[in-house]
């Protein structure tokens, strides 16, 4: 798997769709950021990022996620991390699927997290760009995700990257007695 290296800017900048098209960043650059496949050794830092966001450590959960998406056993799964100065600062997880209600193959993003200390500096854009490039190489032309309506942070990020409401509608029902 190819990794991609760019730089993390010292000053925050808004995410722009143009950055995804390979245009250079115009902010001061200092810390190189590499996007690469997650490794089992990254799990400690992944758990720490997640704990900073959700408020609890979920080691067993992330080990299970890594086994499913990061082990390399499933050819269509992707688990990527952004690394700066040897430290994991973000992650994205997705998979190519083609069975949802007769839809053609598309890339599904299941998770994207960036260390709160480095948000607004393009890390999420780098992660999204990297997984989009891998999906493209797999023959996919569409990316989808599902998120909670109240999660305005992630909703705003995806919208800033050009994502819009898709043709599927999420439905649910409680199954408790």
N, C-alpha and C. Protein backbone atom coordinates (compact mmCIF):
# COMPACT_ATOMS: atom_id res chain seq x y z
N UNK A 1 0.84 -1.18 0.00
CA UNK A 1 0.00 0.00 0.00
C UNK A 1 0.88 1.23 0.00
N UNK A 2 0.53 2.17 -0.82
CA UNK A 2 1.26 3.43 -0.87
C UNK A 2 0.85 4.31 0.29
N UNK A 3 1.81 5.03 0.83
CA UNK A 3 1.47 6.01 1.84
C UNK A 3 1.66 7.38 1.22
N UNK A 4 1.03 8.35 1.81
CA UNK A 4 1.10 9.71 1.30
C UNK A 4 1.64 10.59 2.41
N UNK A 5 2.56 11.48 2.07
CA UNK A 5 3.12 12.38 3.05
C UNK A 5 2.85 13.81 2.62
N UNK A 6 2.45 14.62 3.57
CA UNK A 6 2.29 16.06 3.36
C UNK A 6 2.71 16.70 4.67
N UNK A 7 2.33 17.93 4.91
CA UNK A 7 2.73 18.60 6.14
C UNK A 7 1.53 19.10 6.91
N UNK A 8 1.68 19.13 8.21
CA UNK A 8 0.65 19.64 9.12
C UNK A 8 0.98 21.09 9.38
N UNK A 9 0.04 21.95 9.15
CA UNK A 9 0.31 23.38 9.33
C UNK A 9 0.18 23.76 10.79
N UNK A 10 0.96 24.73 11.17
CA UNK A 10 0.93 25.24 12.53
C UNK A 10 -0.35 26.02 12.80
N UNK A 11 -0.87 26.70 11.77
CA UNK A 11 -2.06 27.51 11.95
C UNK A 11 -3.26 26.78 11.38
N UNK A 12 -4.41 26.85 12.05
CA UNK A 12 -5.60 26.18 11.53
C UNK A 12 -6.01 26.76 10.17
N UNK A 13 -6.58 25.90 9.35
CA UNK A 13 -7.10 26.34 8.07
C UNK A 13 -8.38 25.58 7.80
N UNK A 14 -9.33 26.19 7.11
CA UNK A 14 -10.55 25.47 6.80
C UNK A 14 -10.28 24.38 5.76
N UNK A 15 -10.98 23.27 5.88
CA UNK A 15 -10.86 22.19 4.90
C UNK A 15 -11.47 22.67 3.60
N UNK A 16 -10.82 22.35 2.50
CA UNK A 16 -11.32 22.79 1.20
C UNK A 16 -11.30 21.61 0.24
N UNK A 17 -12.34 21.52 -0.58
CA UNK A 17 -12.40 20.48 -1.58
C UNK A 17 -11.23 20.58 -2.54
N UNK A 18 -10.74 21.79 -2.80
CA UNK A 18 -9.61 21.97 -3.72
C UNK A 18 -8.38 21.24 -3.21
N UNK A 19 -8.20 21.17 -1.90
CA UNK A 19 -7.05 20.46 -1.35
C UNK A 19 -7.09 19.00 -1.74
N UNK A 20 -8.30 18.43 -1.85
CA UNK A 20 -8.42 17.03 -2.23
C UNK A 20 -7.97 16.80 -3.67
N UNK A 21 -8.00 17.83 -4.47
CA UNK A 21 -7.62 17.67 -5.87
C UNK A 21 -6.13 17.86 -6.07
N UNK A 22 -5.35 17.87 -5.00
CA UNK A 22 -3.92 17.90 -5.11
C UNK A 22 -3.29 19.29 -5.12
N UNK A 23 -4.06 20.31 -4.89
CA UNK A 23 -3.48 21.65 -4.84
C UNK A 23 -2.67 21.80 -3.56
N UNK A 24 -1.53 22.44 -3.63
CA UNK A 24 -0.70 22.57 -2.43
C UNK A 24 -1.36 23.46 -1.38
N UNK A 25 -1.05 23.16 -0.13
CA UNK A 25 -1.56 23.98 0.96
C UNK A 25 -0.76 25.29 0.97
N UNK A 26 -1.41 26.39 1.32
CA UNK A 26 -0.74 27.68 1.28
C UNK A 26 -0.38 28.19 2.67
N UNK A 27 -0.58 27.36 3.69
CA UNK A 27 -0.26 27.78 5.06
C UNK A 27 1.15 27.33 5.42
N UNK A 28 1.75 27.91 6.45
CA UNK A 28 3.09 27.51 6.85
C UNK A 28 3.14 26.02 7.19
N UNK A 29 4.16 25.35 6.71
CA UNK A 29 4.28 23.91 6.90
C UNK A 29 5.41 23.61 7.88
N UNK A 30 5.15 22.68 8.80
CA UNK A 30 6.21 22.34 9.74
C UNK A 30 6.34 20.85 9.99
N UNK A 31 5.25 20.17 10.27
CA UNK A 31 5.32 18.77 10.66
C UNK A 31 4.84 17.87 9.53
N UNK A 32 5.73 17.02 8.98
CA UNK A 32 5.28 16.10 7.93
C UNK A 32 4.22 15.13 8.48
N UNK A 33 3.19 14.89 7.67
CA UNK A 33 2.13 13.96 8.03
C UNK A 33 2.08 12.87 6.97
N UNK A 34 2.14 11.63 7.42
CA UNK A 34 2.05 10.49 6.52
C UNK A 34 0.72 9.78 6.76
N UNK A 35 0.05 9.41 5.69
CA UNK A 35 -1.15 8.58 5.80
C UNK A 35 -0.76 7.20 5.31
N UNK A 36 -0.99 6.21 6.16
CA UNK A 36 -0.60 4.84 5.85
C UNK A 36 -1.58 3.86 6.48
N UNK A 37 -1.42 2.59 6.12
CA UNK A 37 -2.25 1.54 6.72
C UNK A 37 -1.98 1.46 8.22
N UNK A 38 -3.04 1.26 8.98
CA UNK A 38 -2.90 1.10 10.43
C UNK A 38 -2.13 -0.18 10.72
N UNK A 39 -1.38 -0.15 11.82
CA UNK A 39 -0.64 -1.32 12.30
C UNK A 39 -1.14 -1.64 13.71
N UNK A 40 -0.99 -2.87 14.09
CA UNK A 40 -1.41 -3.27 15.43
C UNK A 40 -0.72 -2.41 16.50
N UNK A 41 0.52 -2.04 16.26
CA UNK A 41 1.26 -1.21 17.21
C UNK A 41 0.65 0.19 17.37
N UNK A 42 -0.21 0.61 16.44
CA UNK A 42 -0.87 1.91 16.51
C UNK A 42 -2.06 1.92 17.46
N UNK A 43 -2.51 0.76 17.89
CA UNK A 43 -3.76 0.68 18.65
C UNK A 43 -3.76 1.50 19.93
N UNK A 44 -2.64 1.56 20.64
CA UNK A 44 -2.59 2.33 21.88
C UNK A 44 -2.91 3.80 21.60
N UNK A 45 -2.34 4.36 20.54
CA UNK A 45 -2.59 5.76 20.20
C UNK A 45 -4.00 5.95 19.64
N UNK A 46 -4.51 4.97 18.90
CA UNK A 46 -5.87 5.03 18.38
C UNK A 46 -6.87 5.05 19.53
N UNK A 47 -6.65 4.18 20.52
CA UNK A 47 -7.52 4.14 21.70
C UNK A 47 -7.48 5.48 22.43
N UNK A 48 -6.31 6.10 22.52
CA UNK A 48 -6.18 7.39 23.21
C UNK A 48 -6.93 8.49 22.47
N UNK A 49 -6.83 8.52 21.14
CA UNK A 49 -7.57 9.53 20.36
C UNK A 49 -9.06 9.33 20.56
N UNK A 50 -9.51 8.09 20.44
CA UNK A 50 -10.94 7.80 20.61
C UNK A 50 -11.41 8.18 22.01
N UNK A 51 -10.62 7.87 23.03
CA UNK A 51 -10.99 8.19 24.41
C UNK A 51 -11.11 9.70 24.60
N UNK A 52 -10.24 10.47 23.96
CA UNK A 52 -10.31 11.92 24.06
C UNK A 52 -11.60 12.45 23.43
N UNK A 53 -12.13 11.71 22.47
CA UNK A 53 -13.34 12.16 21.77
C UNK A 53 -14.61 11.66 22.45
N UNK A 54 -14.65 10.36 22.80
CA UNK A 54 -15.88 9.78 23.35
C UNK A 54 -15.91 9.74 24.88
N UNK A 55 -14.76 9.96 25.53
CA UNK A 55 -14.75 10.04 26.98
C UNK A 55 -14.52 8.72 27.71
N UNK A 56 -14.20 7.66 26.98
CA UNK A 56 -13.90 6.39 27.64
C UNK A 56 -12.95 5.58 26.76
N UNK A 57 -12.14 4.75 27.40
CA UNK A 57 -11.23 3.89 26.65
C UNK A 57 -11.96 2.63 26.22
N UNK A 58 -11.84 2.30 24.94
CA UNK A 58 -12.52 1.13 24.39
C UNK A 58 -11.50 0.22 23.69
N UNK A 59 -10.58 -0.32 24.47
CA UNK A 59 -9.50 -1.15 23.91
C UNK A 59 -10.03 -2.37 23.19
N UNK A 60 -10.94 -3.10 23.80
CA UNK A 60 -11.47 -4.33 23.18
C UNK A 60 -12.17 -4.01 21.86
N UNK A 61 -12.91 -2.92 21.84
CA UNK A 61 -13.61 -2.51 20.62
C UNK A 61 -12.60 -2.27 19.50
N UNK A 62 -11.55 -1.49 19.78
CA UNK A 62 -10.59 -1.15 18.74
C UNK A 62 -9.77 -2.35 18.29
N UNK A 63 -9.52 -3.28 19.17
CA UNK A 63 -8.84 -4.51 18.77
C UNK A 63 -9.71 -5.28 17.79
N UNK A 64 -10.99 -5.37 18.08
CA UNK A 64 -11.95 -6.03 17.18
C UNK A 64 -12.03 -5.31 15.83
N UNK A 65 -12.09 -3.99 15.85
CA UNK A 65 -12.14 -3.20 14.62
C UNK A 65 -10.87 -3.44 13.80
N UNK A 66 -9.71 -3.44 14.47
CA UNK A 66 -8.46 -3.67 13.75
C UNK A 66 -8.45 -5.05 13.11
N UNK A 67 -8.89 -6.05 13.85
CA UNK A 67 -8.92 -7.41 13.30
C UNK A 67 -9.79 -7.48 12.04
N UNK A 68 -10.89 -6.76 12.05
CA UNK A 68 -11.80 -6.81 10.90
C UNK A 68 -11.32 -5.97 9.73
N UNK A 69 -10.87 -4.74 10.01
CA UNK A 69 -10.56 -3.80 8.93
C UNK A 69 -9.07 -3.58 8.69
N UNK A 70 -8.23 -3.86 9.65
CA UNK A 70 -6.81 -3.55 9.51
C UNK A 70 -5.89 -4.73 9.35
N UNK A 71 -6.41 -5.91 9.45
CA UNK A 71 -5.56 -7.10 9.41
C UNK A 71 -5.08 -7.47 8.02
N UNK A 72 -5.73 -6.93 7.00
CA UNK A 72 -5.37 -7.28 5.63
C UNK A 72 -6.08 -8.52 5.13
N UNK A 73 -6.89 -9.14 5.95
CA UNK A 73 -7.60 -10.35 5.56
C UNK A 73 -8.74 -10.06 4.58
N UNK A 74 -9.34 -8.89 4.68
CA UNK A 74 -10.45 -8.52 3.81
C UNK A 74 -9.96 -7.51 2.78
N UNK A 75 -9.89 -7.93 1.56
CA UNK A 75 -9.29 -7.13 0.49
C UNK A 75 -9.98 -5.79 0.28
N UNK A 76 -11.25 -5.68 0.60
CA UNK A 76 -11.98 -4.44 0.36
C UNK A 76 -12.02 -3.51 1.57
N UNK A 77 -11.39 -3.88 2.67
CA UNK A 77 -11.41 -3.07 3.89
C UNK A 77 -10.20 -2.14 3.94
N UNK A 78 -10.41 -0.98 4.53
CA UNK A 78 -9.36 0.02 4.68
C UNK A 78 -9.36 0.54 6.12
N UNK A 79 -8.19 0.60 6.73
CA UNK A 79 -8.01 1.20 8.06
C UNK A 79 -6.72 2.00 7.94
N UNK A 80 -6.85 3.31 7.81
CA UNK A 80 -5.70 4.17 7.61
C UNK A 80 -5.49 5.08 8.81
N UNK A 81 -4.23 5.46 9.03
CA UNK A 81 -3.91 6.41 10.10
C UNK A 81 -3.08 7.54 9.52
N UNK A 82 -3.20 8.71 10.14
CA UNK A 82 -2.33 9.85 9.85
C UNK A 82 -1.31 9.91 10.97
N UNK A 83 -0.04 10.02 10.60
CA UNK A 83 1.05 10.01 11.57
C UNK A 83 1.91 11.25 11.39
N UNK A 84 2.16 11.96 12.49
CA UNK A 84 3.05 13.13 12.48
C UNK A 84 4.08 12.95 13.59
N UNK A 85 5.32 13.14 13.26
CA UNK A 85 6.42 13.01 14.22
C UNK A 85 6.34 11.69 14.99
N UNK A 86 5.98 10.61 14.28
CA UNK A 86 5.93 9.28 14.87
C UNK A 86 4.70 8.99 15.71
N UNK A 87 3.74 9.91 15.75
CA UNK A 87 2.54 9.74 16.57
C UNK A 87 1.30 9.71 15.70
N UNK A 88 0.41 8.76 15.98
CA UNK A 88 -0.87 8.69 15.26
C UNK A 88 -1.72 9.88 15.71
N UNK A 89 -2.20 10.64 14.72
CA UNK A 89 -3.01 11.83 15.04
C UNK A 89 -4.41 11.75 14.44
N UNK A 90 -4.69 10.68 13.70
CA UNK A 90 -6.02 10.54 13.11
C UNK A 90 -6.17 9.18 12.47
N UNK A 91 -7.43 8.84 12.17
CA UNK A 91 -7.73 7.55 11.56
C UNK A 91 -8.97 7.65 10.70
N UNK A 92 -9.06 6.74 9.75
CA UNK A 92 -10.27 6.61 8.94
C UNK A 92 -10.42 5.13 8.61
N UNK A 93 -11.67 4.66 8.63
CA UNK A 93 -11.96 3.25 8.37
C UNK A 93 -13.08 3.18 7.35
N UNK A 94 -12.92 2.32 6.38
CA UNK A 94 -13.95 2.16 5.37
C UNK A 94 -13.83 0.84 4.65
N UNK A 95 -14.76 0.64 3.72
CA UNK A 95 -14.83 -0.63 3.02
C UNK A 95 -15.58 -0.43 1.71
N UNK A 96 -15.18 -1.17 0.69
CA UNK A 96 -15.92 -1.19 -0.56
C UNK A 96 -17.01 -2.23 -0.42
N UNK A 97 -18.25 -1.82 -0.70
CA UNK A 97 -19.39 -2.73 -0.63
C UNK A 97 -20.24 -2.54 -1.87
N UNK A 98 -20.94 -3.62 -2.25
CA UNK A 98 -21.79 -3.51 -3.44
C UNK A 98 -23.12 -4.23 -3.28
N UNK A 99 -23.53 -4.44 -2.07
CA UNK A 99 -24.75 -5.22 -1.87
C UNK A 99 -25.90 -4.43 -1.30
N UNK A 100 -25.71 -3.20 -0.89
CA UNK A 100 -26.78 -2.43 -0.25
C UNK A 100 -27.90 -2.11 -1.21
N UNK A 101 -28.99 -2.83 -1.13
CA UNK A 101 -30.22 -2.53 -1.84
C UNK A 101 -30.00 -2.34 -3.34
N UNK A 102 -29.16 -3.19 -3.89
CA UNK A 102 -28.91 -3.18 -5.32
C UNK A 102 -28.03 -2.06 -5.81
N UNK A 103 -27.40 -1.34 -4.91
CA UNK A 103 -26.56 -0.22 -5.34
C UNK A 103 -25.26 -0.75 -5.96
N UNK A 104 -24.69 0.01 -6.89
CA UNK A 104 -23.40 -0.38 -7.45
C UNK A 104 -22.33 -0.28 -6.36
N UNK A 105 -21.17 -0.85 -6.58
CA UNK A 105 -20.11 -0.77 -5.56
C UNK A 105 -19.85 0.68 -5.16
N UNK A 106 -19.68 0.89 -3.88
CA UNK A 106 -19.33 2.21 -3.38
C UNK A 106 -18.45 2.05 -2.15
N UNK A 107 -17.77 3.12 -1.80
CA UNK A 107 -16.95 3.12 -0.59
C UNK A 107 -17.76 3.63 0.58
N UNK A 108 -17.75 2.87 1.66
CA UNK A 108 -18.44 3.28 2.88
C UNK A 108 -17.40 3.69 3.91
N UNK A 109 -17.59 4.84 4.52
CA UNK A 109 -16.71 5.28 5.61
C UNK A 109 -17.45 5.02 6.91
N UNK A 110 -16.80 4.25 7.79
CA UNK A 110 -17.42 3.89 9.07
C UNK A 110 -16.94 4.76 10.22
N UNK A 111 -15.73 5.28 10.11
CA UNK A 111 -15.20 6.10 11.19
C UNK A 111 -14.15 7.04 10.65
N UNK A 112 -14.11 8.23 11.21
CA UNK A 112 -13.03 9.18 10.98
C UNK A 112 -12.86 9.94 12.29
N UNK A 113 -11.64 9.94 12.81
CA UNK A 113 -11.35 10.64 14.06
C UNK A 113 -10.01 11.33 13.93
N UNK A 114 -9.94 12.55 14.43
CA UNK A 114 -8.70 13.32 14.44
C UNK A 114 -8.47 13.79 15.87
N UNK A 115 -7.24 13.66 16.33
CA UNK A 115 -6.89 14.12 17.66
C UNK A 115 -7.36 15.57 17.81
N UNK A 116 -8.15 15.86 18.85
CA UNK A 116 -8.66 17.22 19.03
C UNK A 116 -7.57 18.29 19.04
N UNK A 117 -6.36 17.95 19.43
CA UNK A 117 -5.27 18.93 19.49
C UNK A 117 -4.80 19.38 18.11
N UNK A 118 -5.13 18.64 17.05
CA UNK A 118 -4.67 19.01 15.71
C UNK A 118 -5.81 19.17 14.72
N UNK A 119 -7.01 19.33 15.21
CA UNK A 119 -8.14 19.56 14.31
C UNK A 119 -8.02 20.90 13.61
N UNK A 120 -8.72 21.02 12.48
CA UNK A 120 -8.74 22.25 11.68
C UNK A 120 -7.40 22.51 11.01
N UNK A 121 -6.60 21.48 10.82
CA UNK A 121 -5.29 21.64 10.18
C UNK A 121 -5.14 20.74 8.96
N UNK A 122 -6.25 20.19 8.47
CA UNK A 122 -6.19 19.41 7.24
C UNK A 122 -5.98 17.92 7.40
N UNK A 123 -5.90 17.41 8.62
CA UNK A 123 -5.67 15.98 8.83
C UNK A 123 -6.85 15.17 8.31
N UNK A 124 -8.06 15.58 8.62
CA UNK A 124 -9.24 14.88 8.14
C UNK A 124 -9.30 14.87 6.62
N UNK A 125 -8.92 15.99 6.00
CA UNK A 125 -8.90 16.07 4.54
C UNK A 125 -7.91 15.06 3.98
N UNK A 126 -6.72 14.98 4.58
CA UNK A 126 -5.72 14.02 4.12
C UNK A 126 -6.24 12.59 4.22
N UNK A 127 -6.90 12.28 5.33
CA UNK A 127 -7.43 10.93 5.52
C UNK A 127 -8.52 10.63 4.50
N UNK A 128 -9.43 11.56 4.30
CA UNK A 128 -10.50 11.37 3.32
C UNK A 128 -9.92 11.23 1.91
N UNK A 129 -8.95 12.06 1.58
CA UNK A 129 -8.30 11.97 0.26
C UNK A 129 -7.66 10.60 0.06
N UNK A 130 -6.98 10.11 1.09
CA UNK A 130 -6.27 8.84 0.98
C UNK A 130 -7.23 7.67 0.77
N UNK A 131 -8.31 7.65 1.54
CA UNK A 131 -9.25 6.53 1.39
C UNK A 131 -10.01 6.66 0.07
N UNK A 132 -10.31 7.90 -0.36
CA UNK A 132 -10.97 8.10 -1.65
C UNK A 132 -10.08 7.59 -2.78
N UNK A 133 -8.79 7.84 -2.70
CA UNK A 133 -7.85 7.35 -3.73
C UNK A 133 -7.84 5.83 -3.77
N UNK A 134 -7.88 5.20 -2.60
CA UNK A 134 -7.91 3.73 -2.57
C UNK A 134 -9.22 3.20 -3.12
N UNK A 135 -10.32 3.85 -2.79
CA UNK A 135 -11.62 3.44 -3.34
C UNK A 135 -11.63 3.60 -4.86
N UNK A 136 -11.07 4.71 -5.35
CA UNK A 136 -11.00 4.94 -6.79
C UNK A 136 -10.23 3.80 -7.48
N UNK A 137 -9.10 3.41 -6.90
CA UNK A 137 -8.30 2.32 -7.47
C UNK A 137 -9.07 1.01 -7.47
N UNK A 138 -10.03 0.87 -6.56
CA UNK A 138 -10.86 -0.33 -6.50
C UNK A 138 -12.05 -0.24 -7.45
N UNK A 139 -12.13 0.84 -8.22
CA UNK A 139 -13.21 1.00 -9.20
C UNK A 139 -14.46 1.66 -8.68
N UNK A 140 -14.36 2.28 -7.51
CA UNK A 140 -15.52 2.91 -6.88
C UNK A 140 -15.60 4.38 -7.30
N UNK A 141 -16.83 4.86 -7.51
CA UNK A 141 -17.04 6.25 -7.92
C UNK A 141 -17.84 7.05 -6.91
N UNK A 142 -18.30 6.42 -5.84
CA UNK A 142 -19.13 7.08 -4.84
C UNK A 142 -18.66 6.69 -3.44
N UNK A 143 -18.69 7.64 -2.52
CA UNK A 143 -18.41 7.37 -1.11
C UNK A 143 -19.67 7.69 -0.33
N UNK A 144 -20.00 6.82 0.62
CA UNK A 144 -21.16 7.03 1.50
C UNK A 144 -20.73 6.88 2.95
N UNK A 145 -21.52 7.46 3.82
CA UNK A 145 -21.35 7.29 5.25
C UNK A 145 -22.69 7.51 5.92
N UNK A 146 -22.79 7.14 7.17
CA UNK A 146 -23.98 7.36 7.98
C UNK A 146 -23.50 7.99 9.28
N UNK A 147 -24.20 9.02 9.74
CA UNK A 147 -23.83 9.64 11.00
C UNK A 147 -25.07 10.18 11.69
N UNK A 148 -24.91 10.46 12.97
CA UNK A 148 -26.02 11.01 13.74
C UNK A 148 -26.28 12.46 13.33
N UNK A 149 -27.54 12.83 13.21
CA UNK A 149 -27.91 14.20 12.84
C UNK A 149 -27.29 15.24 13.76
N UNK A 150 -27.17 14.90 15.04
CA UNK A 150 -26.66 15.84 16.03
C UNK A 150 -25.15 15.99 15.99
N UNK A 151 -24.47 15.14 15.25
CA UNK A 151 -23.01 15.21 15.19
C UNK A 151 -22.61 16.27 14.17
N UNK A 152 -22.80 17.52 14.55
CA UNK A 152 -22.58 18.63 13.63
C UNK A 152 -21.11 18.79 13.23
N UNK A 153 -20.19 18.38 14.09
CA UNK A 153 -18.77 18.48 13.75
C UNK A 153 -18.44 17.64 12.52
N UNK A 154 -18.81 16.36 12.56
CA UNK A 154 -18.51 15.46 11.44
C UNK A 154 -19.39 15.81 10.23
N UNK A 155 -20.64 16.15 10.48
CA UNK A 155 -21.53 16.56 9.39
C UNK A 155 -20.95 17.76 8.64
N UNK A 156 -20.49 18.76 9.38
CA UNK A 156 -19.89 19.94 8.76
C UNK A 156 -18.63 19.58 7.98
N UNK A 157 -17.81 18.68 8.54
CA UNK A 157 -16.60 18.27 7.84
C UNK A 157 -16.95 17.61 6.50
N UNK A 158 -17.83 16.62 6.53
CA UNK A 158 -18.17 15.92 5.29
C UNK A 158 -18.81 16.87 4.28
N UNK A 159 -19.67 17.76 4.73
CA UNK A 159 -20.27 18.72 3.80
C UNK A 159 -19.21 19.64 3.20
N UNK A 160 -18.22 20.05 4.00
CA UNK A 160 -17.17 20.92 3.48
C UNK A 160 -16.33 20.22 2.43
N UNK A 161 -16.38 18.90 2.42
CA UNK A 161 -15.62 18.12 1.44
C UNK A 161 -16.45 17.75 0.22
N UNK A 162 -17.68 18.24 0.18
CA UNK A 162 -18.52 18.02 -0.99
C UNK A 162 -19.55 16.92 -0.86
N UNK A 163 -19.65 16.30 0.31
CA UNK A 163 -20.65 15.25 0.49
C UNK A 163 -22.03 15.89 0.70
N UNK A 164 -23.05 15.27 0.11
CA UNK A 164 -24.43 15.74 0.23
C UNK A 164 -25.31 14.54 0.57
N UNK A 165 -26.56 14.81 0.90
CA UNK A 165 -27.50 13.72 1.18
C UNK A 165 -27.59 12.80 -0.03
N UNK A 166 -27.57 11.50 0.22
CA UNK A 166 -27.62 10.51 -0.85
C UNK A 166 -29.01 9.96 -1.05
N UNK A 167 -29.12 8.95 -1.91
CA UNK A 167 -30.42 8.41 -2.27
C UNK A 167 -31.01 7.44 -1.24
N UNK A 168 -30.24 7.05 -0.24
CA UNK A 168 -30.73 6.10 0.76
C UNK A 168 -31.25 6.84 1.98
N UNK A 169 -32.26 6.29 2.61
CA UNK A 169 -32.84 6.86 3.81
C UNK A 169 -32.65 5.85 4.94
N UNK A 170 -32.07 6.28 6.04
CA UNK A 170 -31.86 5.41 7.19
C UNK A 170 -33.15 5.30 7.99
N UNK A 171 -33.58 4.09 8.25
CA UNK A 171 -34.76 3.83 9.08
C UNK A 171 -34.35 2.95 10.24
N UNK A 172 -35.05 3.05 11.36
CA UNK A 172 -34.76 2.21 12.51
C UNK A 172 -36.00 2.02 13.35
N UNK A 173 -35.95 1.00 14.22
CA UNK A 173 -37.04 0.81 15.19
C UNK A 173 -36.44 0.16 16.43
N UNK A 174 -37.03 0.47 17.56
CA UNK A 174 -36.62 -0.13 18.82
C UNK A 174 -37.14 -1.56 18.88
N UNK A 175 -36.34 -2.48 19.38
CA UNK A 175 -36.79 -3.88 19.46
C UNK A 175 -36.91 -4.37 20.90
N UNK A 176 -36.77 -3.43 21.85
CA UNK A 176 -36.96 -3.81 23.26
C UNK A 176 -38.43 -4.06 23.51
N UNK A 177 -38.72 -4.93 24.49
CA UNK A 177 -40.13 -5.23 24.83
C UNK A 177 -40.81 -4.06 25.44
